[in-house]
N, C-alpha and C. Protein backbone atom coordinates (compact mmCIF):
# COMPACT_ATOMS: atom_id res chain seq x y z
N MET A 1 0.81 -1.18 0.00
CA MET A 1 0.00 0.00 0.00
C MET A 1 0.86 1.26 0.00
N SER A 2 2.06 1.18 0.53
CA SER A 2 2.90 2.37 0.63
C SER A 2 3.49 2.78 -0.72
N ASN A 3 3.60 1.85 -1.66
CA ASN A 3 4.17 2.17 -2.97
C ASN A 3 3.14 2.67 -3.96
N THR A 4 1.87 2.61 -3.66
CA THR A 4 0.85 2.96 -4.65
C THR A 4 0.82 4.44 -4.97
N PHE A 5 1.07 5.29 -3.98
CA PHE A 5 1.02 6.73 -4.24
C PHE A 5 2.14 7.19 -5.19
N PRO A 6 3.40 6.79 -4.97
CA PRO A 6 4.43 7.16 -5.95
C PRO A 6 4.19 6.57 -7.33
N GLU A 7 3.67 5.34 -7.37
CA GLU A 7 3.37 4.72 -8.66
C GLU A 7 2.26 5.47 -9.38
N LEU A 8 1.27 5.93 -8.64
CA LEU A 8 0.18 6.71 -9.23
C LEU A 8 0.71 8.04 -9.76
N GLY A 9 1.58 8.69 -8.98
CA GLY A 9 2.18 9.94 -9.43
C GLY A 9 3.01 9.74 -10.69
N PHE A 10 3.79 8.66 -10.72
CA PHE A 10 4.59 8.38 -11.92
C PHE A 10 3.68 8.09 -13.11
N PHE A 11 2.59 7.37 -12.87
CA PHE A 11 1.65 7.05 -13.96
C PHE A 11 1.05 8.32 -14.55
N ILE A 12 0.66 9.26 -13.68
CA ILE A 12 0.07 10.51 -14.16
C ILE A 12 1.10 11.33 -14.93
N ILE A 13 2.31 11.43 -14.40
CA ILE A 13 3.36 12.18 -15.09
C ILE A 13 3.69 11.53 -16.42
N ASP A 14 3.77 10.19 -16.44
CA ASP A 14 4.06 9.48 -17.68
C ASP A 14 2.94 9.68 -18.70
N LEU A 15 1.71 9.70 -18.25
CA LEU A 15 0.57 9.93 -19.13
C LEU A 15 0.62 11.33 -19.74
N ILE A 16 0.95 12.33 -18.94
CA ILE A 16 1.06 13.71 -19.44
C ILE A 16 2.20 13.83 -20.44
N LEU A 17 3.35 13.21 -20.12
CA LEU A 17 4.49 13.27 -21.03
C LEU A 17 4.19 12.55 -22.34
N SER A 18 3.49 11.42 -22.26
CA SER A 18 3.12 10.69 -23.48
C SER A 18 2.15 11.50 -24.34
N PHE A 19 1.23 12.19 -23.70
CA PHE A 19 0.31 13.06 -24.43
C PHE A 19 1.06 14.18 -25.14
N LEU A 20 2.01 14.79 -24.43
CA LEU A 20 2.82 15.85 -25.05
C LEU A 20 3.64 15.31 -26.22
N VAL A 21 4.19 14.12 -26.06
CA VAL A 21 4.96 13.52 -27.16
C VAL A 21 4.04 13.31 -28.37
N LEU A 22 2.84 12.81 -28.14
CA LEU A 22 1.89 12.61 -29.23
C LEU A 22 1.54 13.92 -29.93
N ILE A 23 1.21 14.94 -29.16
CA ILE A 23 0.81 16.23 -29.73
C ILE A 23 1.96 16.83 -30.55
N PHE A 24 3.16 16.84 -30.00
CA PHE A 24 4.28 17.47 -30.71
C PHE A 24 4.79 16.61 -31.86
N THR A 25 4.63 15.30 -31.78
CA THR A 25 4.94 14.45 -32.93
C THR A 25 4.00 14.75 -34.08
N LEU A 26 2.72 14.85 -33.78
CA LEU A 26 1.75 15.20 -34.82
C LEU A 26 2.01 16.61 -35.35
N ARG A 27 2.41 17.52 -34.48
CA ARG A 27 2.70 18.89 -34.92
C ARG A 27 3.87 18.89 -35.92
N ILE A 28 4.90 18.11 -35.65
CA ILE A 28 6.03 18.03 -36.57
C ILE A 28 5.57 17.47 -37.92
N LEU A 29 4.79 16.40 -37.89
CA LEU A 29 4.33 15.79 -39.14
C LEU A 29 3.38 16.72 -39.90
N LEU A 30 2.52 17.42 -39.18
CA LEU A 30 1.60 18.35 -39.84
C LEU A 30 2.36 19.49 -40.51
N ALA A 31 3.39 20.01 -39.85
CA ALA A 31 4.18 21.10 -40.44
C ALA A 31 5.05 20.59 -41.57
N LEU A 32 5.63 19.41 -41.39
CA LEU A 32 6.55 18.87 -42.38
C LEU A 32 5.85 18.58 -43.71
N PHE A 33 4.62 18.12 -43.64
CA PHE A 33 3.90 17.77 -44.86
C PHE A 33 2.85 18.81 -45.25
N SER A 34 2.91 19.98 -44.64
CA SER A 34 2.05 21.13 -45.00
C SER A 34 0.58 20.73 -45.11
N THR A 35 0.05 20.18 -44.05
CA THR A 35 -1.35 19.79 -44.07
C THR A 35 -2.25 21.02 -44.00
N ASN A 36 -3.50 20.82 -44.27
CA ASN A 36 -4.48 21.90 -44.30
C ASN A 36 -4.66 22.48 -42.89
N THR A 37 -4.41 23.77 -42.74
CA THR A 37 -4.54 24.40 -41.42
C THR A 37 -5.99 24.69 -41.06
N ASN A 38 -6.91 24.53 -41.98
CA ASN A 38 -8.33 24.73 -41.69
C ASN A 38 -8.98 23.48 -41.10
N ASN A 39 -8.24 22.37 -41.07
CA ASN A 39 -8.74 21.14 -40.49
C ASN A 39 -8.90 21.34 -38.98
N PRO A 40 -10.03 20.93 -38.40
CA PRO A 40 -10.24 21.15 -36.96
C PRO A 40 -9.23 20.40 -36.09
N ILE A 41 -8.77 19.25 -36.52
CA ILE A 41 -7.78 18.51 -35.74
C ILE A 41 -6.45 19.24 -35.76
N THR A 42 -6.06 19.76 -36.91
CA THR A 42 -4.82 20.53 -37.02
C THR A 42 -4.89 21.77 -36.14
N GLN A 43 -6.02 22.47 -36.17
CA GLN A 43 -6.18 23.65 -35.34
C GLN A 43 -6.10 23.31 -33.85
N SER A 44 -6.67 22.19 -33.46
CA SER A 44 -6.61 21.78 -32.05
C SER A 44 -5.18 21.47 -31.62
N ILE A 45 -4.44 20.77 -32.47
CA ILE A 45 -3.05 20.43 -32.14
C ILE A 45 -2.22 21.70 -32.03
N ILE A 46 -2.43 22.64 -32.91
CA ILE A 46 -1.68 23.90 -32.85
C ILE A 46 -2.04 24.68 -31.58
N LYS A 47 -3.32 24.73 -31.22
CA LYS A 47 -3.74 25.45 -30.01
C LYS A 47 -3.20 24.80 -28.74
N ILE A 48 -3.21 23.47 -28.70
CA ILE A 48 -2.73 22.77 -27.51
C ILE A 48 -1.22 22.96 -27.35
N SER A 49 -0.49 22.91 -28.44
CA SER A 49 0.97 22.95 -28.36
C SER A 49 1.55 24.36 -28.33
N LYS A 50 0.76 25.35 -28.66
CA LYS A 50 1.29 26.72 -28.76
C LYS A 50 1.91 27.25 -27.46
N PRO A 51 1.29 27.09 -26.29
CA PRO A 51 1.92 27.64 -25.08
C PRO A 51 3.28 27.02 -24.77
N ILE A 52 3.40 25.72 -24.95
CA ILE A 52 4.67 25.06 -24.64
C ILE A 52 5.70 25.38 -25.71
N ARG A 53 5.28 25.39 -26.97
CA ARG A 53 6.21 25.68 -28.06
C ARG A 53 6.73 27.11 -27.99
N SER A 54 5.92 28.02 -27.45
CA SER A 54 6.36 29.41 -27.35
C SER A 54 7.55 29.57 -26.41
N LEU A 55 7.73 28.62 -25.49
CA LEU A 55 8.91 28.64 -24.62
C LEU A 55 10.20 28.36 -25.39
N PHE A 56 10.07 27.65 -26.51
CA PHE A 56 11.22 27.26 -27.30
C PHE A 56 11.26 27.96 -28.66
N ILE A 57 10.65 29.12 -28.75
CA ILE A 57 10.54 29.84 -30.02
C ILE A 57 11.90 30.29 -30.53
N PHE A 58 12.88 30.38 -29.65
CA PHE A 58 14.23 30.81 -30.07
C PHE A 58 14.95 29.75 -30.89
N ILE A 59 14.45 28.51 -30.88
CA ILE A 59 15.07 27.43 -31.67
C ILE A 59 14.55 27.54 -33.10
N PRO A 60 15.46 27.70 -34.08
CA PRO A 60 14.99 27.88 -35.46
C PRO A 60 14.50 26.57 -36.08
N ASN A 61 13.73 26.72 -37.12
CA ASN A 61 13.26 25.56 -37.88
C ASN A 61 14.26 25.23 -38.97
N LEU A 62 14.29 23.96 -39.36
CA LEU A 62 15.07 23.53 -40.51
C LEU A 62 14.11 23.36 -41.68
N GLY A 63 13.86 24.41 -42.41
CA GLY A 63 12.85 24.37 -43.47
C GLY A 63 11.48 24.23 -42.83
N LYS A 64 10.80 23.13 -43.15
CA LYS A 64 9.48 22.87 -42.57
C LYS A 64 9.57 22.06 -41.28
N PHE A 65 10.76 21.57 -40.96
CA PHE A 65 10.93 20.73 -39.77
C PHE A 65 11.09 21.61 -38.54
N GLU A 66 10.22 21.40 -37.54
CA GLU A 66 10.23 22.21 -36.32
C GLU A 66 11.17 21.61 -35.28
N LEU A 67 12.34 22.20 -35.15
CA LEU A 67 13.29 21.73 -34.15
C LEU A 67 12.80 21.98 -32.73
N SER A 68 12.02 23.03 -32.54
CA SER A 68 11.49 23.32 -31.20
C SER A 68 10.54 22.21 -30.74
N SER A 69 9.74 21.69 -31.65
CA SER A 69 8.84 20.59 -31.30
C SER A 69 9.63 19.32 -31.00
N LEU A 70 10.69 19.08 -31.78
CA LEU A 70 11.54 17.92 -31.51
C LEU A 70 12.23 18.08 -30.16
N THR A 71 12.58 19.30 -29.80
CA THR A 71 13.19 19.55 -28.49
C THR A 71 12.22 19.23 -27.36
N VAL A 72 10.96 19.59 -27.54
CA VAL A 72 9.95 19.27 -26.52
C VAL A 72 9.80 17.76 -26.40
N ILE A 73 9.75 17.06 -27.53
CA ILE A 73 9.65 15.60 -27.51
C ILE A 73 10.85 15.00 -26.79
N PHE A 74 12.04 15.51 -27.13
CA PHE A 74 13.27 15.02 -26.50
C PHE A 74 13.23 15.24 -24.98
N LEU A 75 12.81 16.43 -24.56
CA LEU A 75 12.76 16.72 -23.12
C LEU A 75 11.71 15.86 -22.40
N CYS A 76 10.60 15.57 -23.08
CA CYS A 76 9.59 14.69 -22.49
C CYS A 76 10.15 13.28 -22.30
N HIS A 77 10.83 12.77 -23.32
CA HIS A 77 11.44 11.44 -23.20
C HIS A 77 12.54 11.45 -22.14
N LEU A 78 13.34 12.49 -22.12
CA LEU A 78 14.44 12.60 -21.16
C LEU A 78 13.91 12.59 -19.73
N SER A 79 12.89 13.40 -19.46
CA SER A 79 12.35 13.44 -18.10
C SER A 79 11.62 12.15 -17.74
N GLY A 80 10.94 11.54 -18.70
CA GLY A 80 10.25 10.28 -18.42
C GLY A 80 11.22 9.16 -18.11
N ILE A 81 12.29 9.06 -18.89
CA ILE A 81 13.29 8.02 -18.65
C ILE A 81 14.02 8.29 -17.34
N TYR A 82 14.32 9.55 -17.06
CA TYR A 82 14.99 9.90 -15.81
C TYR A 82 14.13 9.53 -14.60
N LEU A 83 12.84 9.86 -14.66
CA LEU A 83 11.93 9.51 -13.57
C LEU A 83 11.82 8.01 -13.38
N GLN A 84 11.75 7.29 -14.49
CA GLN A 84 11.62 5.84 -14.42
C GLN A 84 12.87 5.20 -13.80
N THR A 85 14.04 5.63 -14.25
CA THR A 85 15.26 5.05 -13.69
C THR A 85 15.49 5.46 -12.25
N SER A 86 15.11 6.67 -11.88
CA SER A 86 15.28 7.09 -10.49
C SER A 86 14.29 6.38 -9.57
N MET A 87 13.10 6.07 -10.06
CA MET A 87 12.14 5.31 -9.25
C MET A 87 12.61 3.88 -9.03
N LEU A 88 13.28 3.33 -10.05
CA LEU A 88 13.79 1.97 -9.91
C LEU A 88 15.06 1.92 -9.08
N GLY A 89 15.65 3.07 -8.83
CA GLY A 89 16.87 3.12 -8.04
C GLY A 89 18.11 2.76 -8.84
N SER A 90 18.03 2.81 -10.15
CA SER A 90 19.16 2.49 -11.00
C SER A 90 20.10 3.68 -11.10
N SER A 91 21.35 3.37 -11.40
CA SER A 91 22.29 4.46 -11.64
C SER A 91 22.04 5.03 -13.03
N ILE A 92 22.25 6.33 -13.17
CA ILE A 92 21.92 7.02 -14.41
C ILE A 92 23.20 7.55 -15.04
N LEU A 93 23.49 7.11 -16.25
CA LEU A 93 24.58 7.67 -17.03
C LEU A 93 24.00 8.73 -17.95
N ILE A 94 24.48 9.95 -17.82
CA ILE A 94 23.93 11.07 -18.58
C ILE A 94 24.04 10.83 -20.07
N GLU A 95 25.19 10.30 -20.52
CA GLU A 95 25.38 10.08 -21.96
C GLU A 95 24.36 9.09 -22.51
N LYS A 96 24.16 7.98 -21.79
CA LYS A 96 23.18 6.99 -22.25
C LYS A 96 21.77 7.53 -22.18
N LEU A 97 21.50 8.33 -21.18
CA LEU A 97 20.18 8.94 -21.03
C LEU A 97 19.88 9.86 -22.20
N ILE A 98 20.84 10.67 -22.60
CA ILE A 98 20.66 11.59 -23.72
C ILE A 98 20.51 10.83 -25.03
N ILE A 99 21.35 9.83 -25.25
CA ILE A 99 21.27 9.05 -26.50
C ILE A 99 19.95 8.30 -26.58
N PHE A 100 19.55 7.67 -25.48
CA PHE A 100 18.30 6.92 -25.49
C PHE A 100 17.09 7.85 -25.67
N SER A 101 17.14 9.03 -25.09
CA SER A 101 16.06 10.00 -25.27
C SER A 101 15.98 10.49 -26.71
N PHE A 102 17.14 10.73 -27.32
CA PHE A 102 17.16 11.15 -28.72
C PHE A 102 16.62 10.04 -29.62
N LYS A 103 17.05 8.81 -29.35
CA LYS A 103 16.56 7.67 -30.13
C LYS A 103 15.05 7.49 -29.94
N SER A 104 14.57 7.66 -28.73
CA SER A 104 13.13 7.56 -28.48
C SER A 104 12.36 8.66 -29.19
N SER A 105 12.96 9.84 -29.31
CA SER A 105 12.31 10.94 -30.02
C SER A 105 12.17 10.62 -31.51
N LEU A 106 13.23 10.08 -32.10
CA LEU A 106 13.16 9.70 -33.51
C LEU A 106 12.18 8.55 -33.72
N PHE A 107 12.16 7.60 -32.77
CA PHE A 107 11.23 6.49 -32.88
C PHE A 107 9.78 6.96 -32.74
N SER A 108 9.54 8.02 -31.98
CA SER A 108 8.18 8.57 -31.87
C SER A 108 7.68 9.01 -33.23
N LEU A 109 8.55 9.69 -33.99
CA LEU A 109 8.16 10.12 -35.33
C LEU A 109 7.93 8.92 -36.25
N LEU A 110 8.82 7.95 -36.21
CA LEU A 110 8.68 6.78 -37.08
C LEU A 110 7.47 5.93 -36.70
N ASN A 111 7.21 5.79 -35.41
CA ASN A 111 6.03 5.03 -34.97
C ASN A 111 4.74 5.74 -35.37
N ALA A 112 4.74 7.07 -35.30
CA ALA A 112 3.55 7.81 -35.75
C ALA A 112 3.32 7.60 -37.24
N LEU A 113 4.40 7.62 -38.02
CA LEU A 113 4.25 7.35 -39.45
C LEU A 113 3.75 5.94 -39.70
N THR A 114 4.22 4.98 -38.93
CA THR A 114 3.75 3.60 -39.07
C THR A 114 2.25 3.52 -38.81
N ILE A 115 1.80 4.15 -37.75
CA ILE A 115 0.38 4.14 -37.43
C ILE A 115 -0.43 4.84 -38.52
N ILE A 116 0.10 5.93 -39.05
CA ILE A 116 -0.59 6.65 -40.11
C ILE A 116 -0.74 5.77 -41.35
N PHE A 117 0.31 5.04 -41.71
CA PHE A 117 0.22 4.17 -42.88
C PHE A 117 -0.73 2.99 -42.64
N ILE A 118 -0.78 2.48 -41.44
CA ILE A 118 -1.72 1.40 -41.13
C ILE A 118 -3.15 1.93 -41.20
N ILE A 119 -3.39 3.12 -40.66
CA ILE A 119 -4.73 3.73 -40.76
C ILE A 119 -5.10 3.94 -42.22
N LEU A 120 -4.14 4.40 -43.02
CA LEU A 120 -4.40 4.61 -44.45
C LEU A 120 -4.78 3.30 -45.14
N ALA A 121 -4.05 2.24 -44.83
CA ALA A 121 -4.34 0.94 -45.46
C ALA A 121 -5.72 0.43 -45.05
N VAL A 122 -6.05 0.52 -43.79
CA VAL A 122 -7.35 0.04 -43.33
C VAL A 122 -8.48 0.92 -43.87
N SER A 123 -8.27 2.23 -43.87
CA SER A 123 -9.33 3.12 -44.37
C SER A 123 -9.55 2.97 -45.86
N SER A 124 -8.55 2.50 -46.59
CA SER A 124 -8.73 2.31 -48.02
C SER A 124 -9.73 1.20 -48.33
N TRP A 125 -9.98 0.33 -47.38
CA TRP A 125 -10.98 -0.71 -47.56
C TRP A 125 -12.39 -0.12 -47.53
N PHE A 126 -12.56 1.01 -46.84
CA PHE A 126 -13.89 1.58 -46.64
C PHE A 126 -14.14 2.84 -47.45
N THR A 127 -13.09 3.58 -47.75
CA THR A 127 -13.22 4.85 -48.45
C THR A 127 -12.82 4.66 -49.91
N GLN A 128 -13.71 5.02 -50.81
CA GLN A 128 -13.42 4.85 -52.23
C GLN A 128 -12.54 5.99 -52.76
N SER A 129 -12.79 7.20 -52.33
CA SER A 129 -12.06 8.35 -52.83
C SER A 129 -11.68 9.26 -51.68
N PHE A 130 -10.40 9.56 -51.57
CA PHE A 130 -9.96 10.45 -50.49
C PHE A 130 -10.37 11.89 -50.76
N GLN A 131 -10.62 12.24 -52.03
CA GLN A 131 -11.05 13.60 -52.34
C GLN A 131 -12.49 13.83 -51.88
N ALA A 132 -13.33 12.78 -51.90
CA ALA A 132 -14.72 12.91 -51.49
C ALA A 132 -14.89 12.67 -49.99
N ASN A 133 -13.81 12.40 -49.30
CA ASN A 133 -13.87 12.10 -47.88
C ASN A 133 -14.15 13.37 -47.07
N ARG A 134 -14.97 13.28 -46.06
CA ARG A 134 -15.28 14.42 -45.22
C ARG A 134 -14.82 14.20 -43.78
N ASN A 135 -14.00 13.21 -43.53
CA ASN A 135 -13.50 12.93 -42.20
C ASN A 135 -12.17 13.67 -42.00
N PRO A 136 -12.07 14.59 -41.03
CA PRO A 136 -10.85 15.36 -40.87
C PRO A 136 -9.64 14.51 -40.49
N ALA A 137 -9.84 13.44 -39.74
CA ALA A 137 -8.71 12.58 -39.36
C ALA A 137 -8.15 11.85 -40.58
N ILE A 138 -9.03 11.34 -41.43
CA ILE A 138 -8.56 10.65 -42.64
C ILE A 138 -7.93 11.64 -43.61
N ASP A 139 -8.43 12.86 -43.64
CA ASP A 139 -7.79 13.89 -44.47
C ASP A 139 -6.35 14.13 -44.04
N ILE A 140 -6.12 14.21 -42.73
CA ILE A 140 -4.75 14.40 -42.24
C ILE A 140 -3.88 13.19 -42.57
N VAL A 141 -4.42 12.01 -42.39
CA VAL A 141 -3.66 10.79 -42.71
C VAL A 141 -3.27 10.80 -44.19
N PHE A 142 -4.21 11.16 -45.04
CA PHE A 142 -3.91 11.19 -46.47
C PHE A 142 -2.89 12.28 -46.81
N GLN A 143 -3.02 13.46 -46.20
CA GLN A 143 -2.10 14.56 -46.50
C GLN A 143 -0.68 14.27 -46.02
N ILE A 144 -0.54 13.52 -44.93
CA ILE A 144 0.79 13.17 -44.45
C ILE A 144 1.38 12.03 -45.27
N SER A 145 0.59 11.04 -45.60
CA SER A 145 1.12 9.85 -46.27
C SER A 145 1.29 10.02 -47.78
N ASN A 146 0.49 10.86 -48.40
CA ASN A 146 0.52 11.00 -49.84
C ASN A 146 1.89 11.43 -50.39
N PRO A 147 2.57 12.44 -49.82
CA PRO A 147 3.89 12.81 -50.36
C PRO A 147 4.91 11.67 -50.27
N ILE A 148 4.85 10.90 -49.19
CA ILE A 148 5.79 9.77 -49.04
C ILE A 148 5.47 8.70 -50.07
N LEU A 149 4.20 8.40 -50.25
CA LEU A 149 3.82 7.36 -51.21
C LEU A 149 4.14 7.79 -52.64
N LEU A 150 3.94 9.06 -52.96
CA LEU A 150 4.29 9.53 -54.30
C LEU A 150 5.80 9.45 -54.54
N PHE A 151 6.58 9.72 -53.50
CA PHE A 151 8.04 9.61 -53.61
C PHE A 151 8.44 8.15 -53.85
N ILE A 152 7.81 7.24 -53.15
CA ILE A 152 8.11 5.80 -53.34
C ILE A 152 7.69 5.36 -54.73
N LYS A 153 6.52 5.79 -55.18
CA LYS A 153 6.02 5.38 -56.50
C LYS A 153 6.88 5.91 -57.63
N ARG A 154 7.58 7.01 -57.38
CA ARG A 154 8.44 7.58 -58.42
C ARG A 154 9.65 6.69 -58.70
N PHE A 155 10.14 5.98 -57.69
CA PHE A 155 11.35 5.19 -57.84
C PHE A 155 11.12 3.69 -57.94
N ILE A 156 10.04 3.20 -57.37
CA ILE A 156 9.78 1.77 -57.32
C ILE A 156 8.41 1.50 -57.92
N PRO A 157 8.34 0.57 -58.88
CA PRO A 157 7.00 0.19 -59.37
C PRO A 157 6.24 -0.54 -58.27
N THR A 158 5.12 0.04 -57.85
CA THR A 158 4.41 -0.49 -56.69
C THR A 158 3.10 -1.17 -57.02
N SER A 159 2.65 -1.09 -58.25
CA SER A 159 1.35 -1.65 -58.60
C SER A 159 1.51 -2.96 -59.35
N VAL A 160 0.70 -3.92 -58.95
CA VAL A 160 0.59 -5.18 -59.67
C VAL A 160 -0.89 -5.34 -59.96
N GLY A 161 -1.28 -5.05 -61.19
CA GLY A 161 -2.70 -5.06 -61.52
C GLY A 161 -3.39 -3.91 -60.81
N VAL A 162 -4.41 -4.24 -60.02
CA VAL A 162 -5.13 -3.20 -59.28
C VAL A 162 -4.65 -3.07 -57.84
N ILE A 163 -3.69 -3.89 -57.45
CA ILE A 163 -3.19 -3.87 -56.07
C ILE A 163 -1.96 -2.96 -56.01
N ASP A 164 -1.99 -2.03 -55.05
CA ASP A 164 -0.89 -1.09 -54.87
C ASP A 164 -0.14 -1.46 -53.59
N PHE A 165 1.14 -1.73 -53.72
CA PHE A 165 1.96 -2.15 -52.59
C PHE A 165 2.78 -1.01 -51.99
N SER A 166 2.48 0.24 -52.33
CA SER A 166 3.30 1.36 -51.86
C SER A 166 3.24 1.53 -50.34
N VAL A 167 2.10 1.25 -49.73
CA VAL A 167 1.99 1.36 -48.27
C VAL A 167 2.86 0.30 -47.60
N ILE A 168 2.86 -0.90 -48.14
CA ILE A 168 3.69 -1.97 -47.59
C ILE A 168 5.16 -1.63 -47.74
N ILE A 169 5.54 -1.07 -48.88
CA ILE A 169 6.93 -0.67 -49.09
C ILE A 169 7.31 0.44 -48.11
N ALA A 170 6.41 1.38 -47.87
CA ALA A 170 6.68 2.46 -46.90
C ALA A 170 6.86 1.88 -45.50
N LEU A 171 6.02 0.94 -45.12
CA LEU A 171 6.16 0.32 -43.79
C LEU A 171 7.47 -0.46 -43.66
N VAL A 172 7.86 -1.14 -44.73
CA VAL A 172 9.14 -1.87 -44.70
C VAL A 172 10.31 -0.89 -44.60
N LEU A 173 10.24 0.22 -45.33
CA LEU A 173 11.31 1.23 -45.25
C LEU A 173 11.40 1.84 -43.85
N ILE A 174 10.26 2.10 -43.23
CA ILE A 174 10.26 2.62 -41.86
C ILE A 174 10.88 1.60 -40.91
N HIS A 175 10.54 0.33 -41.10
CA HIS A 175 11.10 -0.73 -40.26
C HIS A 175 12.62 -0.82 -40.44
N PHE A 176 13.10 -0.73 -41.68
CA PHE A 176 14.55 -0.74 -41.92
C PHE A 176 15.22 0.47 -41.27
N LEU A 177 14.58 1.62 -41.35
CA LEU A 177 15.14 2.83 -40.74
C LEU A 177 15.21 2.68 -39.22
N GLN A 178 14.19 2.08 -38.62
CA GLN A 178 14.22 1.84 -37.17
C GLN A 178 15.35 0.87 -36.79
N ASN A 179 15.52 -0.18 -37.58
CA ASN A 179 16.61 -1.12 -37.31
C ASN A 179 17.96 -0.46 -37.47
N PHE A 180 18.09 0.40 -38.48
CA PHE A 180 19.33 1.13 -38.72
C PHE A 180 19.65 2.06 -37.54
N LEU A 181 18.63 2.74 -37.02
CA LEU A 181 18.82 3.60 -35.86
C LEU A 181 19.20 2.80 -34.63
N ASN A 182 18.63 1.59 -34.49
CA ASN A 182 19.00 0.73 -33.38
C ASN A 182 20.47 0.32 -33.44
N ILE A 183 20.96 0.08 -34.66
CA ILE A 183 22.37 -0.30 -34.82
C ILE A 183 23.29 0.88 -34.54
N ILE A 184 22.93 2.05 -35.05
CA ILE A 184 23.79 3.23 -34.89
C ILE A 184 23.79 3.72 -33.45
N LEU A 185 22.60 3.85 -32.87
CA LEU A 185 22.49 4.41 -31.52
C LEU A 185 22.41 3.28 -30.55
C-alpha cells in the first residue's frame, strides 16, 4: 500500500508526457507535410501545443521541420526516462540517457508514421475516394502519407494489376530505418 502513491504519481506524469509527445509528434508531421490548417484537428493540435512551443521559439526551424517541437519531444522522453530510472533506483549515465532520449524521439516520429500508414491501409478498404472524404482525421492521414507514397512510387513500381503495394513498401522502409537507428544508436 505504501508504494501505490508514488506509482500513481509516476503514472500521471508518464501519461502527461506521453500526451505531449503525441501532440508534438503530430505537430512536426503536420508542419513537415504542410497539411491543411483549416482542419479542426490541425487547429486543435496547434492550439494545444502553442503555449509550450512558445517557450522554445528561439530554436529555429530547418525548413518545414520544427526543431522546437523535436526539443519538446526530446525533453519529455528525457524526463520520463529519468523519472523511471530514479524510481527503480538504477544508476543514471547522462550520456546513455541523452542518447536513449534522442533515439526515443526519432522512434516517436517513425512510430507515428507507421500508425498513419496502417490507418491509411485500413481506411482504403472503406473509403473509395480520399477527395470525397469528409473525415478530418482521414484527411490528415492522407495529407501526411501521400507525399511519401508519391516519392516511393516515383522510384519503385508499386502496382501489380489493381493492387498497390506502396503502403507496404513504406512500412518496410520505416522498419529498416528503425533497425538502422538501433544499430547506430
